[in-house]
Amino acid sequence: MRDDEDHFALMLGRAALAVWGDMPRDVQEALFEIAVKDRPEDRDALAKLLHERHPRTLHAR
């Protein structure tokens, strides 16, 4: 069962990456926070990847 879950998680993750820039900002933020919840060391790298692929998602800091 775990192999199926990993397979579908990968599929869903790729789909989310493909449409990330079209998602509402609150959905982006919720998915991002869930994704890095147990992996805080990956937070900056994931943010960079998303910002490079979808410039609309850049946050003013």
C-alpha atoms as a PDB file:
ATOM      1  CA  MET A   1       0.000   0.000   0.000  1.00  0.00           C
ATOM      2  CA  ARG A   2       2.859   2.417   0.763  1.00  0.00           C
ATOM      3  CA  ASP A   3       4.187   2.077  -2.805  1.00  0.00           C
ATOM      4  CA  ASP A   4       0.787   3.141  -4.173  1.00  0.00           C
ATOM      5  CA  GLU A   5       0.670   6.107  -1.823  1.00  0.00           C
ATOM      6  CA  ASP A   6       4.164   7.229  -2.825  1.00  0.00           C
ATOM      7  CA  HIS A   7       3.311   6.782  -6.506  1.00  0.00           C
ATOM      8  CA  PHE A   8       0.158   8.882  -6.246  1.00  0.00           C
ATOM      9  CA  ALA A   9       1.864  11.497  -4.078  1.00  0.00           C
ATOM     10  CA  LEU A  10       4.499  11.912  -6.779  1.00  0.00           C
ATOM     11  CA  MET A  11       1.818  12.227  -9.461  1.00  0.00           C
ATOM     12  CA  LEU A  12      -0.124  14.780  -7.436  1.00  0.00           C
ATOM     13  CA  GLY A  13       3.037  16.698  -6.591  1.00  0.00           C
ATOM     14  CA  ARG A  14       3.998  16.992 -10.249  1.00  0.00           C
ATOM     15  CA  ALA A  15       0.495  18.159 -11.113  1.00  0.00           C
ATOM     16  CA  ALA A  16       0.636  20.785  -8.349  1.00  0.00           C
ATOM     17  CA  LEU A  17       3.983  22.038  -9.665  1.00  0.00           C
ATOM     18  CA  ALA A  18       2.553  22.296 -13.171  1.00  0.00           C
ATOM     19  CA  VAL A  19      -0.347  24.528 -12.096  1.00  0.00           C
ATOM     20  CA  TRP A  20       1.250  26.271  -9.118  1.00  0.00           C
ATOM     21  CA  GLY A  21       1.192  29.724 -10.698  1.00  0.00           C
ATOM     22  CA  ASP A  22      -2.522  29.414 -11.442  1.00  0.00           C
ATOM     23  CA  MET A  23      -3.500  28.469  -7.893  1.00  0.00           C
ATOM     24  CA  PRO A  24      -4.945  31.045  -5.509  1.00  0.00           C
ATOM     25  CA  ARG A  25      -2.310  32.360  -3.150  1.00  0.00           C
ATOM     26  CA  ASP A  26      -4.003  30.916  -0.052  1.00  0.00           C
ATOM     27  CA  VAL A  27      -3.924  27.445  -1.625  1.00  0.00           C
ATOM     28  CA  GLN A  28      -0.240  27.893  -2.551  1.00  0.00           C
ATOM     29  CA  GLU A  29       0.599  28.925   0.991  1.00  0.00           C
ATOM     30  CA  ALA A  30      -1.342  26.048   2.552  1.00  0.00           C
ATOM     31  CA  LEU A  31       0.299  23.445   0.299  1.00  0.00           C
ATOM     32  CA  PHE A  32       3.729  24.956   0.854  1.00  0.00           C
ATOM     33  CA  GLU A  33       3.374  24.952   4.642  1.00  0.00           C
ATOM     34  CA  ILE A  34       2.167  21.340   4.646  1.00  0.00           C
ATOM     35  CA  ALA A  35       5.014  20.316   2.337  1.00  0.00           C
ATOM     36  CA  VAL A  36       7.715  21.764   4.600  1.00  0.00           C
ATOM     37  CA  LYS A  37       6.068  20.978   7.934  1.00  0.00           C
ATOM     38  CA  ASP A  38       8.347  18.014   8.652  1.00  0.00           C
ATOM     39  CA  ARG A  39      11.205  19.217   6.431  1.00  0.00           C
ATOM     40  CA  PRO A  40      12.113  22.760   7.550  1.00  0.00           C
ATOM     41  CA  GLU A  41      15.596  22.325   6.088  1.00  0.00           C
ATOM     42  CA  ASP A  42      13.991  22.187   2.608  1.00  0.00           C
ATOM     43  CA  ARG A  43      11.912  25.356   3.038  1.00  0.00           C
ATOM     44  CA  ASP A  44      14.259  27.775   1.248  1.00  0.00           C
ATOM     45  CA  ALA A  45      15.090  25.372  -1.574  1.00  0.00           C
ATOM     46  CA  LEU A  46      11.414  24.671  -2.273  1.00  0.00           C
ATOM     47  CA  ALA A  47      10.558  28.380  -2.184  1.00  0.00           C
ATOM     48  CA  LYS A  48      13.388  29.089  -4.624  1.00  0.00           C
ATOM     49  CA  LEU A  49      12.240  26.348  -7.002  1.00  0.00           C
ATOM     50  CA  LEU A  50       8.666  27.636  -6.978  1.00  0.00           C
ATOM     51  CA  HIS A  51       9.711  31.252  -7.453  1.00  0.00           C
ATOM     52  CA  GLU A  52      12.001  30.361 -10.357  1.00  0.00           C
ATOM     53  CA  ARG A  53       9.305  28.313 -12.104  1.00  0.00           C
ATOM     54  CA  HIS A  54       6.454  30.709 -11.356  1.00  0.00           C
ATOM     55  CA  PRO A  55       7.673  34.309 -10.938  1.00  0.00           C
ATOM     56  CA  ARG A  56       4.121  35.447 -10.038  1.00  0.00           C
ATOM     57  CA  THR A  57       4.551  33.673  -6.702  1.00  0.00           C
ATOM     58  CA  LEU A  58       7.382  35.939  -5.528  1.00  0.00           C
ATOM     59  CA  HIS A  59       6.585  37.473  -2.161  1.00  0.00           C
ATOM     60  CA  ALA A  60       7.524  41.026  -1.353  1.00  0.00           C
ATOM     61  CA  ARG A  61       9.599  40.874   1.816  1.00  0.00           C
END
